[in-house]
Protein backbone atom coordinates (compact mmCIF):
# COMPACT_ATOMS: atom_id res chain seq x y z
CA MET A 1 -73.61 19.54 21.21
CA VAL A 2 -70.29 17.83 20.49
CA ARG A 3 -67.30 19.92 19.35
CA PHE A 4 -63.94 18.72 18.07
CA THR A 5 -61.30 21.46 17.70
CA VAL A 6 -57.73 20.76 16.58
CA LEU A 7 -55.62 23.59 18.02
CA ALA A 8 -52.35 22.38 16.48
CA SER A 9 -50.97 19.31 14.75
CA GLY A 10 -47.40 18.63 13.71
CA SER A 11 -43.88 18.08 14.97
CA LYS A 12 -43.84 21.47 16.75
CA GLY A 13 -46.86 20.74 18.92
CA ASN A 14 -50.15 18.83 19.06
CA SER A 15 -53.33 19.61 20.94
CA THR A 16 -57.08 19.08 20.47
CA ILE A 17 -60.17 20.03 22.48
CA VAL A 18 -63.07 17.60 22.63
CA SER A 19 -66.36 18.82 24.12
CA GLY A 20 -69.46 16.78 24.83
CA GLY A 21 -72.34 17.34 27.22
CA ARG A 22 -70.99 19.31 30.18
CA THR A 23 -67.41 18.04 29.76
CA ARG A 24 -64.45 19.49 27.91
CA ILE A 25 -61.04 17.81 27.70
CA LEU A 26 -57.73 18.68 26.12
CA VAL A 27 -56.03 15.81 24.31
CA ASP A 28 -52.28 16.51 24.53
CA ALA A 29 -50.68 19.84 25.42
CA GLY A 30 -47.79 20.14 22.99
CA LEU A 31 -47.72 23.94 22.80
CA SER A 32 -46.70 26.36 25.53
CA CYS A 33 -49.46 27.36 27.92
CA ARG A 34 -49.52 30.88 26.52
CA GLU A 35 -49.81 29.60 22.94
CA LEU A 36 -52.49 27.08 23.90
CA PHE A 37 -54.57 29.86 25.44
CA ARG A 38 -54.03 32.03 22.37
CA ARG A 39 -55.17 29.23 20.06
CA MET A 40 -58.20 28.57 22.25
CA LYS A 41 -59.18 32.22 22.02
CA LEU A 42 -58.87 32.08 18.22
CA ALA A 43 -61.07 28.98 18.20
CA GLU A 44 -63.59 30.58 20.60
CA GLU A 45 -62.80 28.03 23.28
CA ASP A 46 -62.61 29.08 26.94
CA PRO A 47 -59.61 27.52 28.77
CA GLY A 48 -61.33 28.04 32.11
CA THR A 49 -64.01 25.49 31.24
CA LEU A 50 -61.59 22.60 30.63
CA ASP A 51 -62.12 19.63 32.95
CA ALA A 52 -59.00 17.54 32.27
CA ILE A 53 -55.95 16.94 30.08
CA VAL A 54 -55.40 13.52 28.50
CA ILE A 55 -51.95 12.55 27.22
CA THR A 56 -51.29 10.08 24.38
CA HIS A 57 -47.53 9.76 25.01
CA GLU A 58 -44.59 11.64 26.51
CA HIS A 59 -42.83 13.08 23.44
CA GLN A 60 -42.18 16.80 23.70
CA ASP A 61 -44.53 17.84 20.90
CA HIS A 62 -47.39 16.36 22.95
CA VAL A 63 -46.47 17.52 26.48
CA ASN A 64 -44.49 20.75 26.09
CA GLY A 65 -47.05 22.94 27.89
CA LEU A 66 -48.56 20.25 30.09
CA ALA A 67 -47.33 21.18 33.56
CA VAL A 68 -47.89 24.94 33.29
CA THR A 69 -51.35 24.51 31.73
CA ALA A 70 -52.52 21.97 34.32
CA ARG A 71 -51.23 24.14 37.17
CA ARG A 72 -52.77 27.29 35.76
CA LEU A 73 -56.19 25.67 35.37
CA GLY A 74 -55.96 23.37 38.41
CA ILE A 75 -57.21 20.35 36.47
CA PRO A 76 -56.23 16.65 36.54
CA VAL A 77 -53.99 14.99 33.97
CA TYR A 78 -54.71 11.47 32.68
CA PHE A 79 -51.76 9.26 31.64
CA THR A 80 -50.87 5.63 31.47
CA GLU A 81 -48.54 4.97 34.39
CA ALA A 82 -45.57 4.27 32.11
CA THR A 83 -46.15 7.53 30.21
CA HIS A 84 -46.33 9.49 33.45
CA ARG A 85 -43.05 8.00 34.66
CA ALA A 86 -41.37 8.70 31.33
CA TRP A 87 -42.63 12.30 31.39
CA MET A 88 -41.25 12.78 34.91
CA ARG A 89 -37.87 11.37 33.87
CA TRP A 90 -37.80 13.73 30.91
CA LEU A 91 -38.40 16.76 33.16
CA THR A 92 -36.02 15.72 35.93
CA PRO A 93 -32.50 17.14 35.46
CA ARG A 94 -29.93 14.44 34.81
CA ARG A 95 -26.73 14.56 36.83
CA GLN A 96 -23.55 13.88 34.92
CA MET A 97 -20.16 13.22 36.53
CA THR A 98 -16.60 12.88 35.34
CA TYR A 99 -14.51 9.77 35.90
CA LYS A 100 -12.65 11.62 38.68
CA GLN A 101 -15.94 12.45 40.42
CA TRP A 102 -17.05 8.84 40.11
CA LEU A 103 -13.83 7.60 41.75
CA GLU A 104 -14.27 10.11 44.57
CA LEU A 105 -17.85 8.90 45.08
CA CYS A 106 -16.63 5.28 45.25
CA ARG A 107 -13.99 6.22 47.88
CA LYS A 108 -16.59 8.07 49.93
CA GLN A 109 -18.99 5.13 49.86
CA ALA A 110 -16.18 2.75 50.86
CA ALA A 111 -15.27 4.99 53.81
CA GLU A 112 -18.90 5.07 54.92
CA ARG A 113 -19.06 1.27 54.84
CA GLU A 114 -15.89 1.02 56.97
CA ALA A 115 -17.36 3.46 59.48
CA GLU A 116 -20.56 1.44 59.95
CA PRO A 117 -19.19 -0.97 62.66
CA GLU A 118 -17.90 1.99 64.71
CA ALA A 119 -21.24 3.77 64.40
CA ALA A 120 -23.04 0.63 65.53
CA SER A 121 -20.90 0.33 68.67
CA LEU A 122 -21.51 3.98 69.55
CA GLU A 123 -25.24 3.47 69.13
CA ALA A 124 -25.16 0.46 71.49
CA ALA A 125 -23.33 2.50 74.12
CA SER A 126 -25.85 5.34 73.88
CA GLU A 127 -28.72 2.94 74.45
CA GLN A 128 -27.27 2.05 77.89
CA GLY A 129 -27.44 5.32 79.31
CA ASP A 130 -27.53 9.05 78.71
CA PRO A 131 -30.87 10.05 80.35
CA GLU A 132 -31.10 13.40 78.55
CA GLU A 133 -30.62 11.85 75.11
CA VAL A 134 -33.19 9.15 75.82
CA GLU A 135 -35.71 11.76 76.89
CA VAL A 136 -35.18 13.85 73.76
CA GLU A 137 -35.74 10.78 71.58
CA SER A 138 -38.96 10.02 73.46
CA VAL A 139 -40.30 13.49 72.78
CA ALA A 140 -39.42 13.13 69.12
CA GLU A 141 -41.37 9.89 68.93
CA LEU A 142 -44.44 11.61 70.35
CA SER A 143 -44.36 14.38 67.76
CA PRO A 144 -46.92 13.86 64.97
CA ALA A 145 -45.41 12.96 61.59
CA PRO A 146 -46.74 14.55 58.40
CA ASP A 147 -49.33 12.52 56.55
CA PRO A 148 -47.79 10.58 53.65
CA ALA A 149 -49.07 11.21 50.14
CA PRO A 150 -51.52 8.57 48.90
CA ALA A 151 -49.80 5.78 46.97
CA GLY A 152 -49.70 6.46 43.23
CA LEU A 153 -50.98 10.03 43.65
CA SER A 154 -48.00 11.93 45.02
CA ASN A 155 -48.93 14.87 42.79
CA LEU A 156 -52.25 15.63 44.45
CA ALA A 157 -53.04 19.31 44.99
CA LEU A 158 -51.31 20.95 47.96
CA THR A 159 -52.15 24.09 49.92
CA ASN A 160 -48.88 25.63 48.74
CA PRO A 161 -47.91 23.88 45.51
CA PRO A 162 -44.22 23.95 44.61
CA THR A 163 -42.96 26.23 41.89
CA MET A 164 -41.85 24.84 38.53
CA LYS A 165 -38.25 25.41 39.60
CA GLU A 166 -38.75 23.46 42.82
CA ASP A 167 -40.59 20.54 41.22
CA PRO A 168 -41.26 20.68 37.45
CA THR A 169 -43.24 17.42 37.63
CA TRP A 170 -45.87 18.59 40.14
CA LEU A 171 -49.43 18.46 38.85
CA PRO A 172 -52.73 19.33 40.58
CA ALA A 173 -53.89 15.72 40.23
CA VAL A 174 -52.85 12.60 38.31
CA GLU A 175 -55.15 9.82 37.13
CA TYR A 176 -53.98 6.60 35.48
CA PHE A 177 -55.67 4.62 32.74
CA ARG A 178 -54.65 1.52 30.81
CA ALA A 179 -54.79 0.74 27.12
CA GLY A 180 -57.68 -1.62 26.45
CA GLU A 181 -59.66 -0.47 29.50
CA PRO A 182 -62.37 2.14 28.75
CA PHE A 183 -62.93 4.95 31.23
CA SER A 184 -64.93 8.16 31.44
CA ILE A 185 -64.27 11.80 32.20
CA GLY A 186 -67.61 13.38 32.93
CA ASP A 187 -69.84 13.03 29.87
CA ILE A 188 -67.05 11.79 27.58
CA ALA A 189 -66.23 8.06 27.34
CA LEU A 190 -62.70 7.17 26.24
CA SER A 191 -61.45 3.85 24.86
CA PRO A 192 -57.62 3.92 24.76
CA PHE A 193 -55.79 1.48 22.51
CA THR A 194 -52.11 0.68 22.03
CA ILE A 195 -50.35 2.12 18.99
CA PRO A 196 -46.87 1.24 17.62
CA HIS A 197 -44.59 4.19 18.35
CA ASP A 198 -41.21 4.65 20.02
CA ALA A 199 -42.57 5.91 23.33
CA ALA A 200 -43.08 4.29 26.74
CA ASP A 201 -46.75 3.37 26.36
CA PRO A 202 -48.34 5.30 23.47
CA VAL A 203 -52.09 5.20 22.89
CA GLY A 204 -54.77 6.35 20.52
CA PHE A 205 -58.37 6.95 21.53
CA VAL A 206 -61.95 6.49 20.51
CA LEU A 207 -63.90 9.22 22.29
CA CYS A 208 -67.67 9.05 22.56
CA ALA A 209 -70.08 11.79 23.64
CA GLU A 210 -73.81 12.12 23.00
CA GLY A 211 -73.63 9.10 20.71
CA ILE A 212 -70.88 10.64 18.53
CA ARG A 213 -67.74 8.51 18.10
CA MET A 214 -64.42 10.18 17.34
CA GLY A 215 -61.26 8.20 16.49
CA PHE A 216 -57.86 9.68 17.30
CA ALA A 217 -54.67 8.00 15.99
CA THR A 218 -51.41 9.82 15.33
CA ASP A 219 -47.76 8.89 15.90
CA LEU A 220 -47.79 5.30 14.74
CA GLY A 221 -45.39 3.50 12.45
CA TYR A 222 -48.02 1.27 10.86
CA ILE A 223 -51.68 0.37 11.42
CA PRO A 224 -51.91 -3.02 13.14
CA PRO A 225 -55.12 -5.08 13.33
CA ASN A 226 -56.09 -3.77 16.78
CA VAL A 227 -56.02 -0.17 15.51
CA LYS A 228 -57.99 -1.06 12.37
CA GLU A 229 -60.62 -2.65 14.57
CA GLN A 230 -60.87 0.44 16.76
CA LEU A 231 -61.21 2.85 13.82
CA ARG A 232 -64.59 1.52 12.71
CA ALA A 233 -68.11 2.95 12.95
CA LEU A 234 -66.77 6.45 13.59
CA ASP A 235 -68.37 9.83 13.01
CA LEU A 236 -64.96 11.51 12.87
CA LEU A 237 -61.54 10.07 12.13
CA LEU A 238 -58.32 11.96 12.86
CA LEU A 239 -55.42 10.00 11.36
CA GLU A 240 -51.74 10.73 10.84
CA SER A 241 -50.39 11.41 7.36
CA ASN A 242 -46.89 12.45 8.33
CA HIS A 243 -44.56 12.30 5.35
CA ASP A 244 -44.11 11.77 1.66
CA LEU A 245 -41.68 8.89 1.18
CA GLU A 246 -39.59 10.56 -1.54
CA MET A 247 -39.40 13.88 0.31
CA LEU A 248 -38.26 12.11 3.46
CA ARG A 249 -35.61 10.03 1.68
CA ASP A 250 -34.25 13.06 -0.20
CA GLY A 251 -34.73 15.49 2.66
CA PRO A 252 -32.38 17.13 5.18
CA TYR A 253 -32.80 14.72 8.10
CA PRO A 254 -29.83 12.56 9.19
CA TRP A 255 -30.11 8.95 8.08
CA SER A 256 -30.69 7.79 11.66
CA VAL A 257 -33.74 10.06 11.95
CA LYS A 258 -35.04 8.91 8.57
CA GLN A 259 -34.75 5.31 9.73
CA ARG A 260 -36.69 6.13 12.89
CA VAL A 261 -39.52 7.84 10.97
CA LEU A 262 -39.71 4.99 8.45
CA SER A 263 -39.64 2.26 11.10
CA ARG A 264 -42.64 0.34 12.44
CA VAL A 265 -42.54 2.54 15.54
CA GLY A 266 -42.17 5.80 13.61
CA HIS A 267 -44.80 7.71 11.64
CA LEU A 268 -47.34 6.96 8.92
CA SER A 269 -46.53 8.03 5.38
CA ASN A 270 -49.11 9.43 2.98
CA ASP A 271 -49.05 6.09 1.16
CA ALA A 272 -49.66 4.07 4.34
CA THR A 273 -52.58 6.29 5.31
CA ALA A 274 -54.03 6.08 1.80
CA GLU A 275 -53.72 2.30 1.83
CA PHE A 276 -55.70 2.11 5.06
CA LEU A 277 -58.38 4.46 3.72
CA SER A 278 -58.76 2.42 0.55
CA THR A 279 -58.65 -1.10 1.98
CA ALA A 280 -59.44 -1.22 5.73
CA TYR A 281 -61.45 1.90 6.49
CA ASP A 282 -65.23 1.37 6.55
CA GLY A 283 -66.02 4.74 4.96
CA GLN A 284 -68.54 5.81 7.60
CA ALA A 285 -66.95 8.90 9.17
CA ALA A 286 -68.55 12.23 8.34
CA TYR A 287 -65.12 13.84 8.63
CA VAL A 288 -61.64 12.51 7.92
CA ILE A 289 -58.87 14.75 9.28
CA LEU A 290 -55.27 14.25 8.15
CA ALA A 291 -52.93 15.16 11.01
CA HIS A 292 -49.31 15.48 12.11
CA LEU A 293 -48.07 16.50 8.65
CA SER A 294 -44.32 17.08 8.55
CA GLU A 295 -43.28 20.58 7.52
CA ASN A 296 -39.94 19.29 6.15
CA ASN A 297 -40.98 16.01 4.56
CA ASN A 298 -44.51 16.58 3.30
CA LEU A 299 -46.77 19.00 1.50
CA PRO A 300 -50.47 19.44 2.32
CA GLU A 301 -51.27 18.98 -1.36
CA LEU A 302 -49.47 15.62 -1.50
CA ALA A 303 -51.21 14.31 1.61
CA LYS A 304 -54.60 15.51 0.37
CA VAL A 305 -54.23 14.06 -3.12
CA ALA A 306 -53.19 10.64 -1.77
CA ALA A 307 -56.16 10.55 0.62
CA GLU A 308 -58.62 11.80 -2.01
CA ARG A 309 -57.57 9.05 -4.40
CA ALA A 310 -58.03 6.49 -1.65
CA LEU A 311 -61.52 7.80 -0.89
CA LEU A 312 -62.49 8.17 -4.54
CA GLY A 313 -64.86 5.22 -4.51
CA ARG A 314 -66.51 6.36 -1.28
CA ALA A 315 -67.79 9.77 -2.38
CA SER A 316 -70.77 10.82 -0.27
CA LEU A 317 -72.64 13.95 0.70
CA LEU A 318 -72.75 12.80 4.31
CA ALA A 319 -69.36 11.16 4.81
CA ASN A 320 -65.63 11.51 4.16
CA ARG A 321 -65.33 15.27 4.09
CA LEU A 322 -61.56 15.57 4.02
CA LEU A 323 -59.79 18.18 6.18
CA LEU A 324 -56.14 18.88 6.98
CA ALA A 325 -55.05 19.84 10.49
CA GLU A 326 -52.42 22.57 10.57
CA GLN A 327 -49.40 23.36 12.72
CA HIS A 328 -49.68 27.13 12.98
CA GLN A 329 -53.38 27.79 13.33
CA PRO A 330 -56.41 25.96 14.74
CA LEU A 331 -58.79 24.06 12.53
CA SER A 332 -62.35 25.39 12.57
CA ALA A 333 -64.40 23.55 15.18
CA ILE A 334 -66.36 20.56 13.93
CA ARG A 335 -69.81 20.37 15.48
CA PHE A 336 -72.23 17.47 15.71
């Protein structure tokens, strides 16, 4: 049996469980670990049976509970390499310095450079002759060095993993994938594709299990041809319907934020989603789920009405059952 359970969708956190065969994966971990586990309990999903976490991009509402959840469950996390690096940069504390501190650092570095010739001459003198020092260095050379971490997988599980305070980026295991290159996690096949969003390397997915195809596309400023091509012949389509244009333009956000949301690397409006559903969507999905609705710049009724009008000519008993994913409670599991 295949199950698709949206635990949360919106600007305060996004997460979905996809189950197929003997495999269960979490797509994004945008809620705290405690809240994710609470939502899973409400949805009758067992966190202990999860096999992996897959991340679409590094924005906080998609990764907020990632590290704690992966550590707690001891499961691997799948990223693109650029997304992983961006996530690590986001978690790593940034050091700031005053102009005075910068000048002091420059003076210190200059002094170190001036001292290099003197250090080199002392090193040459030591090589000629202190027997005790030479012997100590020989013993040091014979001491076994710790094994280096495998290249590209420095976050592999350790006997004594560091605490979050010591290393907030540590994960039990990290696996990389690339947009355009399908891969599998157990019984679930994933086809990642590039989406236009202001992140390092954002992706959507088509997930396939037991012959059921599920399309997953949120956080995109528009729907380019490659995404339209991917979102065909699906049994389930989860698609962003983020904002109502008038509510966004008249709403409380600063103009700079409004420009970001409206840009081609921002978020889909109700109108953009409806246009896709009416002109480019093939009408085959049994379920269409509207996701990532803004709480400030949208209303569920507006998103639903726009999508219903777009699907008006595709009414079917077997396809296009329209659902809305919510921010504060999980959507009932969809089973195939």
